[in-house]
């Protein structure tokens, strides 16, 4: 074997370990891979042997990037530069002059901004025998978060019918759908303004169409991988076109909150509530709420159980005020 061949083979063997990011922990351990992101609290490292690892930044002594990384410091400075190891608790950034920066001063490393994330969910049931029923529920959600704004899209459809064993005729028990779009613009790290538009249809509740355009402000109290909580307030209009009753429209306020919390790497709890009191008659209001649990099955699939509650204080004369639904679905994330 020639010296050139040996050199080429040696290069190919060493390349994966040489050309890689590296994280040095305070206990002296060194982990190589690719730093995919960091939110200033946790750092995600993709490795060949162990997959994706999540490391607390408080445990990081220093780190190295093989290629220029997108960095944002807590003082608002943006940098795109290669990162080299520094003294414990610091790194060296070349931008273009080398300087030491404490690890605790990073707000983001390679933030996954400008990308869409979301999920598709499908559930249903079929019974035959003493009862003859068919039920289907489908929903989709998508979010794109950047440093200054957030776009949220949601849609869903529920359908159900049952067969009368005496007559053999089938009747629809559920036929409802909705679609919503929301835009949040962050004036500061936590304070934002929003615009929301939602359209609904519920055949059984006698709602031909319900429109809810709203605008207001919100505050993102917590935003992280394992816990999120925000509150919102706004003003808008509620328009309801009933199939068998006069059309209703009124100006209304909107008070809302969202919270989700990861119990562990596989289980997450969530809860949402929206309250729409009329500005013309306080006894006229709508409530949309849900609460549920989502459990990871594989990297891309999960199962979700959700309780959904809708309340209309002044429904159509042929409809009830309350609608309570229990939904079990299988989901796919993207």
Foldseek 3Di string as FASTA:
>chain_A
DDPVVVVVVVCVVCVVVVQFKWWAFPVGDIDTAHFQKDQLQWTWGADDPPGIDIHGLVGTQFMWHNAFKWWAFPVGDTATFTWAGDGGQWIWTPSPNTDIDGSNGTRMINDPAPDKKWKKKKDWDADDDPWGKTKIKIKIWMWGDDQFKIKIKIKMWIWMWTADPVPRDIDTDWTKMKIKIKMWTHPDNFKTKMWIWMKMDTVQLQFRIKIWTWIWMKGWPDDDPFKTKMKIKIKTKIWTDGNPDHTDIAIWMKIKMKIKGAPDPFKMKIKIKIKTAGPVDRLWIKIWIKIWMWGDDDPFKIKIWMKIWIATSDTDPSHDGIDIDIDIIMMTMD
